[in-house]
């Protein structure tokens, strides 16, 4: 795999720390986009500079997670949010009650939707603003 592919994967999978290290090493010309990833040596990075890049969010990351909120014994709602706290606050604002619990799920979890399968990661692209309700699930028992 080459650096360019790994760098692009960092954006797709929101691997922010690695993206900032690669960005820094590219800027310092310690690696190039066409190098094999084995050439990446994080020891060559100025860790303080990478920390500053990360804190200033120069790459524009806006991490979003998916949370399941238990509404009652059978009903659940999935909410996209930046944090668990944001998801719970959005739930309370929307439903005027506290959720019974809140669990984070992987964005790569795949769900049946109609005749297709979609991951939360791909579903998230359909939303213009976050937090947002991704969907509902009803337990049948």
Protein backbone atom coordinates (compact mmCIF):
# COMPACT_ATOMS: atom_id res chain seq x y z
CA UNK A 1 0.00 0.00 0.00
CA UNK A 2 1.23 3.49 -0.76
CA UNK A 3 1.07 6.55 1.51
CA UNK A 4 -1.62 8.20 -0.63
CA UNK A 5 -4.02 5.27 -0.13
CA UNK A 6 -3.39 5.16 3.61
CA UNK A 7 -3.84 8.93 3.86
CA UNK A 8 -7.18 8.71 2.03
CA UNK A 9 -8.25 5.84 4.32
CA UNK A 10 -7.49 8.09 7.31
CA UNK A 11 -10.13 10.51 6.08
CA UNK A 12 -12.65 7.82 5.24
CA UNK A 13 -12.28 6.03 8.59
CA UNK A 14 -11.63 9.25 10.55
CA UNK A 15 -8.24 8.14 11.84
CA UNK A 16 -7.39 11.71 12.78
CA UNK A 17 -4.10 11.18 14.60
CA UNK A 18 -2.53 9.20 11.78
CA UNK A 19 -3.83 11.68 9.20
CA UNK A 20 -2.11 14.55 11.02
CA UNK A 21 1.15 12.62 11.30
CA UNK A 22 1.10 11.79 7.60
CA UNK A 23 0.22 15.39 6.75
CA UNK A 24 3.14 16.64 8.86
CA UNK A 25 5.61 14.16 7.36
CA UNK A 26 4.46 15.08 3.84
CA UNK A 27 4.87 18.79 4.58
CA UNK A 28 8.39 18.17 5.94
CA UNK A 29 9.13 16.04 2.84
CA UNK A 30 10.06 13.05 4.99
CA UNK A 31 7.72 10.94 2.80
CA UNK A 32 5.85 11.34 -0.47
CA UNK A 33 2.38 10.21 -1.48
CA UNK A 34 3.85 7.54 -3.75
CA UNK A 35 6.09 5.98 -1.10
CA UNK A 36 5.29 2.60 0.37
CA UNK A 37 3.75 2.92 3.83
CA UNK A 38 6.78 1.12 5.27
CA UNK A 39 8.63 4.44 4.77
CA UNK A 40 6.43 6.15 7.38
CA UNK A 41 8.54 6.71 10.48
CA UNK A 42 6.61 8.55 13.18
CA UNK A 43 9.87 9.12 15.06
CA UNK A 44 10.78 11.68 12.39
CA UNK A 45 7.74 13.80 13.29
CA UNK A 46 7.76 16.85 15.50
CA UNK A 47 5.12 15.61 17.95
CA UNK A 48 4.46 19.10 19.34
CA UNK A 49 3.81 20.42 15.81
CA UNK A 50 1.44 17.51 15.09
CA UNK A 51 -0.38 18.27 18.34
CA UNK A 52 -0.81 21.90 17.24
CA UNK A 53 -2.11 20.83 13.82
CA UNK A 54 -4.56 18.49 15.54
CA UNK A 55 -5.75 21.13 18.02
CA UNK A 56 -6.23 23.68 15.23
CA UNK A 57 -8.04 21.01 13.17
CA UNK A 58 -6.39 22.19 9.97
CA UNK A 59 -7.61 19.07 8.15
CA UNK A 60 -11.22 19.86 9.06
CA UNK A 61 -12.18 16.66 10.84
CA UNK A 62 -15.65 16.60 12.38
CA UNK A 63 -15.86 13.18 13.95
CA UNK A 64 -19.33 11.72 14.16
CA UNK A 65 -20.36 8.55 15.98
CA UNK A 66 -23.56 6.53 16.10
CA UNK A 67 -25.38 5.90 19.38
CA UNK A 68 -28.28 3.62 20.22
CA UNK A 69 -30.71 5.01 22.77
CA UNK A 70 -33.18 2.71 24.47
CA UNK A 71 -36.60 4.39 24.49
CA UNK A 72 -38.52 1.58 26.24
CA UNK A 73 -38.31 -2.22 26.46
CA UNK A 74 -38.84 -2.68 22.70
CA UNK A 75 -37.95 0.59 20.95
CA UNK A 76 -34.54 2.06 20.17
CA UNK A 77 -33.43 5.11 18.23
CA UNK A 78 -30.06 5.55 16.51
CA UNK A 79 -28.57 9.04 16.69
CA UNK A 80 -25.56 10.48 14.88
CA UNK A 81 -23.64 12.82 17.20
CA UNK A 82 -20.14 14.06 17.92
CA UNK A 83 -20.19 12.61 21.45
CA UNK A 84 -22.30 10.53 23.79
CA UNK A 85 -23.19 13.67 25.74
CA UNK A 86 -24.39 15.41 22.57
CA UNK A 87 -26.45 12.34 21.61
CA UNK A 88 -28.16 12.19 25.02
CA UNK A 89 -28.88 15.94 24.99
CA UNK A 90 -30.37 15.66 21.49
CA UNK A 91 -32.50 12.70 22.63
CA UNK A 92 -33.84 14.63 25.64
CA UNK A 93 -34.57 17.70 23.50
CA UNK A 94 -36.33 15.59 20.87
CA UNK A 95 -38.28 13.13 23.03
CA UNK A 96 -38.62 15.13 26.30
CA UNK A 97 -37.37 12.24 28.43
CA UNK A 98 -34.11 10.57 29.33
CA UNK A 99 -33.03 7.48 27.40
CA UNK A 100 -32.94 4.23 29.38
CA UNK A 101 -29.39 3.68 28.13
CA UNK A 102 -26.94 4.83 25.49
CA UNK A 103 -24.44 2.68 23.61
CA UNK A 104 -21.97 3.60 20.89
CA UNK A 105 -21.93 1.38 17.80
CA UNK A 106 -19.39 1.01 15.03
CA UNK A 107 -19.99 3.17 11.98
CA UNK A 108 -19.11 0.09 9.93
CA UNK A 109 -22.08 -1.89 11.28
CA UNK A 110 -24.24 -2.87 8.32
CA UNK A 111 -28.02 -2.79 8.35
CA UNK A 112 -30.71 -4.05 6.04
CA UNK A 113 -32.57 -1.15 4.46
CA UNK A 114 -35.24 -2.23 2.03
CA UNK A 115 -33.60 -4.67 -0.35
CA UNK A 116 -30.13 -3.23 0.25
CA UNK A 117 -27.49 -3.23 2.95
CA UNK A 118 -25.96 0.02 4.21
CA UNK A 119 -23.42 0.88 6.88
CA UNK A 120 -23.90 3.71 9.34
CA UNK A 121 -20.76 5.27 7.80
CA UNK A 122 -22.43 5.43 4.38
CA UNK A 123 -25.79 6.44 5.86
CA UNK A 124 -24.16 9.38 7.63
CA UNK A 125 -23.35 10.94 4.25
CA UNK A 126 -27.10 11.43 3.73
CA UNK A 127 -27.32 13.95 6.60
CA UNK A 128 -26.48 17.61 6.28
CA UNK A 129 -26.46 18.41 9.99
CA UNK A 130 -25.51 16.55 13.14
CA UNK A 131 -26.88 15.54 15.62
CA UNK A 132 -29.56 13.68 13.69
CA UNK A 133 -31.79 10.64 14.01
CA UNK A 134 -30.48 7.85 11.80
CA UNK A 135 -33.43 5.54 12.35
CA UNK A 136 -35.45 3.39 14.72
CA UNK A 137 -35.34 -0.26 15.71
CA UNK A 138 -38.15 -2.26 17.30
CA UNK A 139 -37.30 -5.48 19.14
CA UNK A 140 -39.74 -8.25 18.31
CA UNK A 141 -40.24 -10.51 21.33
